Amino acid sequence: AERINDLAPIDGPAKTTFFTTGAEAVENAVK
């Protein structure tokens, strides 16, 4: 999560959470 936070093009402090499938990631982005 720390590595992705540093690498991702997000403005300001970032946080990351992990799931299993792409669809699951999109579902959770909507949530």
PDB file of all heavy atoms in Angstrom:
ATOM      1  N   ALA A   1       0.839  -1.204   0.000  1.00  0.00           N
ATOM      2  CA  ALA A   1       0.000   0.000   0.000  1.00  0.00           C
ATOM      3  C   ALA A   1       0.874   1.255   0.000  1.00  0.00           C
ATOM      4  O   ALA A   1       0.625   2.206  -0.743  1.00  0.00           O
ATOM      5  CB  ALA A   1      -0.938  -0.002   1.204  1.00  0.00           C
ATOM      6  N   GLU A   2       1.934   1.239   0.804  1.00  0.00           N
ATOM      7  CA  GLU A   2       2.852   2.390   0.850  1.00  0.00           C
ATOM      8  C   GLU A   2       3.507   2.620  -0.510  1.00  0.00           C
ATOM      9  O   GLU A   2       3.644   3.764  -0.962  1.00  0.00           O
ATOM     10  CB  GLU A   2       3.926   2.161   1.925  1.00  0.00           C
ATOM     11  CG  GLU A   2       3.383   2.238   3.350  1.00  0.00           C
ATOM     12  CD  GLU A   2       4.393   1.758   4.388  1.00  0.00           C
ATOM     13  OE1 GLU A   2       5.342   1.016   4.032  1.00  0.00           O
ATOM     14  OE2 GLU A   2       4.223   2.115   5.572  1.00  0.00           O
ATOM     15  N   ARG A   3       3.906   1.531  -1.160  1.00  0.00           N
ATOM     16  CA  ARG A   3       4.558   1.665  -2.474  1.00  0.00           C
ATOM     17  C   ARG A   3       3.590   2.229  -3.511  1.00  0.00           C
ATOM     18  O   ARG A   3       3.955   3.118  -4.291  1.00  0.00           O
ATOM     19  CB  ARG A   3       5.098   0.304  -2.940  1.00  0.00           C
ATOM     20  CG  ARG A   3       6.235  -0.225  -2.104  1.00  0.00           C
ATOM     21  CD  ARG A   3       6.746  -1.568  -2.630  1.00  0.00           C
ATOM     22  NE  ARG A   3       7.587  -1.412  -3.820  1.00  0.00           N
ATOM     23  CZ  ARG A   3       8.201  -2.426  -4.429  1.00  0.00           C
ATOM     24  NH1 ARG A   3       8.053  -3.665  -3.969  1.00  0.00           N
ATOM     25  NH2 ARG A   3       8.948  -2.218  -5.497  1.00  0.00           N
ATOM     26  N   ILE A   4       2.367   1.726  -3.526  1.00  0.00           N
ATOM     27  CA  ILE A   4       1.363   2.229  -4.478  1.00  0.00           C
ATOM     28  C   ILE A   4       1.044   3.694  -4.173  1.00  0.00           C
ATOM     29  O   ILE A   4       0.921   4.519  -5.095  1.00  0.00           O
ATOM     30  CB  ILE A   4       0.086   1.365  -4.439  1.00  0.00           C
ATOM     31  CG1 ILE A   4       0.373  -0.072  -4.898  1.00  0.00           C
ATOM     32  CG2 ILE A   4      -1.028   1.995  -5.283  1.00  0.00           C
ATOM     33  CD1 ILE A   4       0.737  -0.231  -6.358  1.00  0.00           C
ATOM     34  N   ASN A   5       0.917   4.033  -2.900  1.00  0.00           N
ATOM     35  CA  ASN A   5       0.649   5.431  -2.515  1.00  0.00           C
ATOM     36  C   ASN A   5       1.716   6.370  -3.080  1.00  0.00           C
ATOM     37  O   ASN A   5       1.412   7.482  -3.525  1.00  0.00           O
ATOM     38  CB  ASN A   5       0.600   5.577  -0.993  1.00  0.00           C
ATOM     39  CG  ASN A   5      -0.581   4.866  -0.363  1.00  0.00           C
ATOM     40  OD1 ASN A   5      -1.555   4.548  -1.042  1.00  0.00           O
ATOM     41  ND2 ASN A   5      -0.496   4.599   0.925  1.00  0.00           N
ATOM     42  N   ASP A   6       2.971   5.924  -3.048  1.00  0.00           N
ATOM     43  CA  ASP A   6       4.079   6.753  -3.546  1.00  0.00           C
ATOM     44  C   ASP A   6       4.087   6.845  -5.067  1.00  0.00           C
ATOM     45  O   ASP A   6       4.488   7.865  -5.630  1.00  0.00           O
ATOM     46  CB  ASP A   6       5.424   6.174  -3.069  1.00  0.00           C
ATOM     47  CG  ASP A   6       5.650   6.375  -1.575  1.00  0.00           C
ATOM     48  OD1 ASP A   6       4.967   7.242  -0.975  1.00  0.00           O
ATOM     49  OD2 ASP A   6       6.483   5.647  -1.002  1.00  0.00           O
ATOM     50  N   LEU A   7       3.641   5.775  -5.735  1.00  0.00           N
ATOM     51  CA  LEU A   7       3.748   5.695  -7.196  1.00  0.00           C
ATOM     52  C   LEU A   7       2.539   6.265  -7.933  1.00  0.00           C
ATOM     53  O   LEU A   7       2.662   6.736  -9.072  1.00  0.00           O
ATOM     54  CB  LEU A   7       3.935   4.228  -7.624  1.00  0.00           C
ATOM     55  CG  LEU A   7       5.260   3.568  -7.207  1.00  0.00           C
ATOM     56  CD1 LEU A   7       5.167   2.052  -7.376  1.00  0.00           C
ATOM     57  CD2 LEU A   7       6.429   4.129  -8.009  1.00  0.00           C
ATOM     58  N   ALA A   8       1.371   6.213  -7.320  1.00  0.00           N
ATOM     59  CA  ALA A   8       0.132   6.581  -8.016  1.00  0.00           C
ATOM     60  C   ALA A   8       0.018   8.096  -8.202  1.00  0.00           C
ATOM     61  O   ALA A   8       0.394   8.861  -7.316  1.00  0.00           O
ATOM     62  CB  ALA A   8      -1.075   6.064  -7.240  1.00  0.00           C
ATOM     63  N   PRO A   9      -0.517   8.531  -9.338  1.00  0.00           N
ATOM     64  CA  PRO A   9      -0.681   9.971  -9.598  1.00  0.00           C
ATOM     65  C   PRO A   9      -1.907  10.549  -8.890  1.00  0.00           C
ATOM     66  O   PRO A   9      -2.911  10.911  -9.520  1.00  0.00           O
ATOM     67  CB  PRO A   9      -0.828  10.024 -11.118  1.00  0.00           C
ATOM     68  CG  PRO A   9      -1.459   8.719 -11.481  1.00  0.00           C
ATOM     69  CD  PRO A   9      -0.920   7.713 -10.502  1.00  0.00           C
ATOM     70  N   ILE A  10      -1.841  10.589  -7.580  1.00  0.00           N
ATOM     71  CA  ILE A  10      -2.928  11.127  -6.742  1.00  0.00           C
ATOM     72  C   ILE A  10      -2.423  12.413  -6.087  1.00  0.00           C
ATOM     73  O   ILE A  10      -1.280  12.484  -5.644  1.00  0.00           O
ATOM     74  CB  ILE A  10      -3.335  10.103  -5.654  1.00  0.00           C
ATOM     75  CG1 ILE A  10      -3.863   8.805  -6.296  1.00  0.00           C
ATOM     76  CG2 ILE A  10      -4.371  10.692  -4.697  1.00  0.00           C
ATOM     77  CD1 ILE A  10      -5.166   8.920  -7.049  1.00  0.00           C
ATOM     78  N   ASP A  11      -3.294  13.416  -6.016  1.00  0.00           N
ATOM     79  CA  ASP A  11      -2.923  14.709  -5.432  1.00  0.00           C
ATOM     80  C   ASP A  11      -2.938  14.636  -3.905  1.00  0.00           C
ATOM     81  O   ASP A  11      -3.961  14.293  -3.311  1.00  0.00           O
ATOM     82  CB  ASP A  11      -3.912  15.780  -5.915  1.00  0.00           C
ATOM     83  CG  ASP A  11      -3.246  17.135  -6.071  1.00  0.00           C
ATOM     84  OD1 ASP A  11      -2.015  17.198  -5.948  1.00  0.00           O
ATOM     85  OD2 ASP A  11      -3.966  18.127  -6.300  1.00  0.00           O
ATOM     86  N   GLY A  12      -1.810  14.926  -3.273  1.00  0.00           N
ATOM     87  CA  GLY A  12      -1.767  14.943  -1.813  1.00  0.00           C
ATOM     88  C   GLY A  12      -1.606  13.551  -1.220  1.00  0.00           C
ATOM     89  O   GLY A  12      -1.327  12.582  -1.930  1.00  0.00           O
ATOM     90  N   PRO A  13      -1.806  13.415   0.108  1.00  0.00           N
ATOM     91  CA  PRO A  13      -1.663  12.103   0.765  1.00  0.00           C
ATOM     92  C   PRO A  13      -2.644  11.086   0.176  1.00  0.00           C
ATOM     93  O   PRO A  13      -3.797  11.407  -0.110  1.00  0.00           O
ATOM     94  CB  PRO A  13      -2.003  12.401   2.235  1.00  0.00           C
ATOM     95  CG  PRO A  13      -1.825  13.875   2.392  1.00  0.00           C
ATOM     96  CD  PRO A  13      -2.146  14.482   1.066  1.00  0.00           C
ATOM     97  N   ALA A  14      -2.146   9.853  -0.022  1.00  0.00           N
ATOM     98  CA  ALA A  14      -2.969   8.787  -0.618  1.00  0.00           C
ATOM     99  C   ALA A  14      -3.053   7.598   0.326  1.00  0.00           C
ATOM    100  O   ALA A  14      -2.209   7.417   1.209  1.00  0.00           O
ATOM    101  CB  ALA A  14      -2.372   8.349  -1.955  1.00  0.00           C
ATOM    102  N   LYS A  15      -4.098   6.797   0.143  1.00  0.00           N
ATOM    103  CA  LYS A  15      -4.232   5.518   0.832  1.00  0.00           C
ATOM    104  C   LYS A  15      -4.671   4.472  -0.191  1.00  0.00           C
ATOM    105  O   LYS A  15      -5.334   4.798  -1.178  1.00  0.00           O
ATOM    106  CB  LYS A  15      -5.248   5.601   1.978  1.00  0.00           C
ATOM    107  CG  LYS A  15      -4.752   6.406   3.176  1.00  0.00           C
ATOM    108  CD  LYS A  15      -5.679   6.257   4.386  1.00  0.00           C
ATOM    109  CE  LYS A  15      -5.070   6.962   5.609  1.00  0.00           C
ATOM    110  NZ  LYS A  15      -5.907   6.755   6.818  1.00  0.00           N
ATOM    111  N   THR A  16      -4.317   3.208   0.073  1.00  0.00           N
ATOM    112  CA  THR A  16      -4.626   2.107  -0.836  1.00  0.00           C
ATOM    113  C   THR A  16      -5.229   0.951  -0.061  1.00  0.00           C
ATOM    114  O   THR A  16      -4.807   0.657   1.066  1.00  0.00           O
ATOM    115  CB  THR A  16      -3.350   1.619  -1.555  1.00  0.00           C
ATOM    116  OG1 THR A  16      -2.826   2.675  -2.367  1.00  0.00           O
ATOM    117  CG2 THR A  16      -3.632   0.412  -2.440  1.00  0.00           C
ATOM    118  N   THR A  17      -6.203   0.296  -0.676  1.00  0.00           N
ATOM    119  CA  THR A  17      -6.731  -0.953  -0.126  1.00  0.00           C
ATOM    120  C   THR A  17      -6.793  -1.985  -1.244  1.00  0.00           C
ATOM    121  O   THR A  17      -6.932  -1.632  -2.419  1.00  0.00           O
ATOM    122  CB  THR A  17      -8.117  -0.752   0.512  1.00  0.00           C
ATOM    123  OG1 THR A  17      -8.556  -1.988   1.085  1.00  0.00           O
ATOM    124  CG2 THR A  17      -9.158  -0.296  -0.496  1.00  0.00           C
ATOM    125  N   PHE A  18      -6.673  -3.266  -0.874  1.00  0.00           N
ATOM    126  CA  PHE A  18      -6.580  -4.327  -1.878  1.00  0.00           C
ATOM    127  C   PHE A  18      -7.790  -5.257  -1.846  1.00  0.00           C
ATOM    128  O   PHE A  18      -8.412  -5.478  -0.806  1.00  0.00           O
ATOM    129  CB  PHE A  18      -5.295  -5.135  -1.673  1.00  0.00           C
ATOM    130  CG  PHE A  18      -4.057  -4.302  -1.865  1.00  0.00           C
ATOM    131  CD1 PHE A  18      -3.280  -3.933  -0.775  1.00  0.00           C
ATOM    132  CD2 PHE A  18      -3.693  -3.840  -3.122  1.00  0.00           C
ATOM    133  CE1 PHE A  18      -2.150  -3.144  -0.939  1.00  0.00           C
ATOM    134  CE2 PHE A  18      -2.570  -3.038  -3.298  1.00  0.00           C
ATOM    135  CZ  PHE A  18      -1.803  -2.691  -2.207  1.00  0.00           C
ATOM    136  N   PHE A  19      -8.083  -5.796  -3.045  1.00  0.00           N
ATOM    137  CA  PHE A  19      -9.167  -6.761  -3.226  1.00  0.00           C
ATOM    138  C   PHE A  19      -8.648  -7.903  -4.090  1.00  0.00           C
ATOM    139  O   PHE A  19      -7.444  -8.152  -4.103  1.00  0.00           O
ATOM    140  CB  PHE A  19     -10.390  -6.059  -3.838  1.00  0.00           C
ATOM    141  CG  PHE A  19     -10.868  -4.900  -3.003  1.00  0.00           C
ATOM    142  CD1 PHE A  19     -10.514  -3.581  -3.324  1.00  0.00           C
ATOM    143  CD2 PHE A  19     -11.622  -5.111  -1.862  1.00  0.00           C
ATOM    144  CE1 PHE A  19     -10.916  -2.521  -2.533  1.00  0.00           C
ATOM    145  CE2 PHE A  19     -12.031  -4.052  -1.053  1.00  0.00           C
ATOM    146  CZ  PHE A  19     -11.674  -2.750  -1.392  1.00  0.00           C
ATOM    147  N   THR A  20      -9.533  -8.582  -4.802  1.00  0.00           N
ATOM    148  CA  THR A  20      -9.111  -9.774  -5.535  1.00  0.00           C
ATOM    149  C   THR A  20      -9.263  -9.611  -7.047  1.00  0.00           C
ATOM    150  O   THR A  20      -8.364  -9.966  -7.799  1.00  0.00           O
ATOM    151  CB  THR A  20      -9.899 -11.009  -5.045  1.00  0.00           C
ATOM    152  OG1 THR A  20      -9.795 -11.076  -3.623  1.00  0.00           O
ATOM    153  CG2 THR A  20      -9.351 -12.287  -5.644  1.00  0.00           C
ATOM    154  N   THR A  21     -10.390  -9.068  -7.505  1.00  0.00           N
ATOM    155  CA  THR A  21     -10.640  -8.951  -8.946  1.00  0.00           C
ATOM    156  C   THR A  21     -10.812  -7.485  -9.344  1.00  0.00           C
ATOM    157  O   THR A  21     -11.112  -6.629  -8.503  1.00  0.00           O
ATOM    158  CB  THR A  21     -11.912  -9.709  -9.358  1.00  0.00           C
ATOM    159  OG1 THR A  21     -13.056  -9.026  -8.801  1.00  0.00           O
ATOM    160  CG2 THR A  21     -11.896 -11.149  -8.863  1.00  0.00           C
ATOM    161  N   GLY A  22     -10.679  -7.230 -10.640  1.00  0.00           N
ATOM    162  CA  GLY A  22     -10.875  -5.876 -11.146  1.00  0.00           C
ATOM    163  C   GLY A  22     -12.273  -5.359 -10.885  1.00  0.00           C
ATOM    164  O   GLY A  22     -12.462  -4.199 -10.487  1.00  0.00           O
ATOM    165  N   ALA A  23     -13.259  -6.200 -11.114  1.00  0.00           N
ATOM    166  CA  ALA A  23     -14.648  -5.791 -10.862  1.00  0.00           C
ATOM    167  C   ALA A  23     -14.846  -5.412  -9.401  1.00  0.00           C
ATOM    168  O   ALA A  23     -15.527  -4.439  -9.074  1.00  0.00           O
ATOM    169  CB  ALA A  23     -15.609  -6.923 -11.249  1.00  0.00           C
ATOM    170  N   GLU A  24     -14.219  -6.172  -8.506  1.00  0.00           N
ATOM    171  CA  GLU A  24     -14.321  -5.894  -7.069  1.00  0.00           C
ATOM    172  C   GLU A  24     -13.713  -4.530  -6.737  1.00  0.00           C
ATOM    173  O   GLU A  24     -14.239  -3.776  -5.911  1.00  0.00           O
ATOM    174  CB  GLU A  24     -13.579  -6.994  -6.309  1.00  0.00           C
ATOM    175  CG  GLU A  24     -14.148  -7.318  -4.959  1.00  0.00           C
ATOM    176  CD  GLU A  24     -13.355  -8.418  -4.260  1.00  0.00           C
ATOM    177  OE1 GLU A  24     -12.592  -9.144  -4.923  1.00  0.00           O
ATOM    178  OE2 GLU A  24     -13.500  -8.522  -3.036  1.00  0.00           O
ATOM    179  N   ALA A  25     -12.597  -4.209  -7.402  1.00  0.00           N
ATOM    180  CA  ALA A  25     -11.974  -2.898  -7.183  1.00  0.00           C
ATOM    181  C   ALA A  25     -12.910  -1.776  -7.615  1.00  0.00           C
ATOM    182  O   ALA A  25     -13.086  -0.779  -6.900  1.00  0.00           O
ATOM    183  CB  ALA A  25     -10.653  -2.814  -7.950  1.00  0.00           C
ATOM    184  N   VAL A  26     -13.549  -1.941  -8.779  1.00  0.00           N
ATOM    185  CA  VAL A  26     -14.458  -0.902  -9.277  1.00  0.00           C
ATOM    186  C   VAL A  26     -15.683  -0.790  -8.371  1.00  0.00           C
ATOM    187  O   VAL A  26     -16.131   0.315  -8.038  1.00  0.00           O
ATOM    188  CB  VAL A  26     -14.863  -1.178 -10.742  1.00  0.00           C
ATOM    189  CG1 VAL A  26     -15.865  -0.139 -11.225  1.00  0.00           C
ATOM    190  CG2 VAL A  26     -13.630  -1.178 -11.648  1.00  0.00           C
ATOM    191  N   GLU A  27     -16.238  -1.920  -7.958  1.00  0.00           N
ATOM    192  CA  GLU A  27     -17.372  -1.912  -7.009  1.00  0.00           C
ATOM    193  C   GLU A  27     -17.022  -1.092  -5.760  1.00  0.00           C
ATOM    194  O   GLU A  27     -17.816  -0.276  -5.293  1.00  0.00           O
ATOM    195  CB  GLU A  27     -17.701  -3.341  -6.564  1.00  0.00           C
ATOM    196  CG  GLU A  27     -18.330  -4.223  -7.608  1.00  0.00           C
ATOM    197  CD  GLU A  27     -19.849  -4.258  -7.514  1.00  0.00           C
ATOM    198  OE1 GLU A  27     -20.419  -3.691  -6.560  1.00  0.00           O
ATOM    199  OE2 GLU A  27     -20.460  -4.850  -8.420  1.00  0.00           O
ATOM    200  N   ASN A  28     -15.835  -1.335  -5.239  1.00  0.00           N
ATOM    201  CA  ASN A  28     -15.440  -0.654  -4.008  1.00  0.00           C
ATOM    202  C   ASN A  28     -15.116   0.810  -4.232  1.00  0.00           C
ATOM    203  O   ASN A  28     -15.332   1.638  -3.346  1.00  0.00           O
ATOM    204  CB  ASN A  28     -14.281  -1.399  -3.343  1.00  0.00           C
ATOM    205  CG  ASN A  28     -14.765  -2.603  -2.558  1.00  0.00           C
ATOM    206  OD1 ASN A  28     -15.211  -2.479  -1.425  1.00  0.00           O
ATOM    207  ND2 ASN A  28     -14.727  -3.776  -3.179  1.00  0.00           N
ATOM    208  N   ALA A  29     -14.633   1.156  -5.419  1.00  0.00           N
ATOM    209  CA  ALA A  29     -14.442   2.572  -5.748  1.00  0.00           C
ATOM    210  C   ALA A  29     -15.784   3.297  -5.732  1.00  0.00           C
ATOM    211  O   ALA A  29     -15.891   4.437  -5.247  1.00  0.00           O
ATOM    212  CB  ALA A  29     -13.760   2.712  -7.106  1.00  0.00           C
ATOM    213  N   VAL A  30     -16.832   2.637  -6.237  1.00  0.00           N
ATOM    214  CA  VAL A  30     -18.181   3.212  -6.207  1.00  0.00           C
ATOM    215  C   VAL A  30     -18.651   3.365  -4.760  1.00  0.00           C
ATOM    216  O   VAL A  30     -19.204   4.406  -4.376  1.00  0.00           O
ATOM    217  CB  VAL A  30     -19.168   2.350  -7.023  1.00  0.00           C
ATOM    218  CG1 VAL A  30     -20.612   2.789  -6.788  1.00  0.00           C
ATOM    219  CG2 VAL A  30     -18.825   2.418  -8.512  1.00  0.00           C
ATOM    220  N   LYS A  31     -18.426   2.345  -3.933  1.00  0.00           N
ATOM    221  CA  LYS A  31     -18.807   2.426  -2.516  1.00  0.00           C
ATOM    222  C   LYS A  31     -18.111   3.604  -1.832  1.00  0.00           C
ATOM    223  O   LYS A  31     -18.733   4.376  -1.094  1.00  0.00           O
ATOM    224  CB  LYS A  31     -18.445   1.112  -1.806  1.00  0.00           C
ATOM    225  CG  LYS A  31     -19.390  -0.038  -2.108  1.00  0.00           C
ATOM    226  CD  LYS A  31     -18.798  -1.394  -1.748  1.00  0.00           C
ATOM    227  CE  LYS A  31     -18.511  -1.566  -0.275  1.00  0.00           C
ATOM    228  NZ  LYS A  31     -18.059  -2.953   0.031  1.00  0.00           N
TER     229      LYS A  31
END
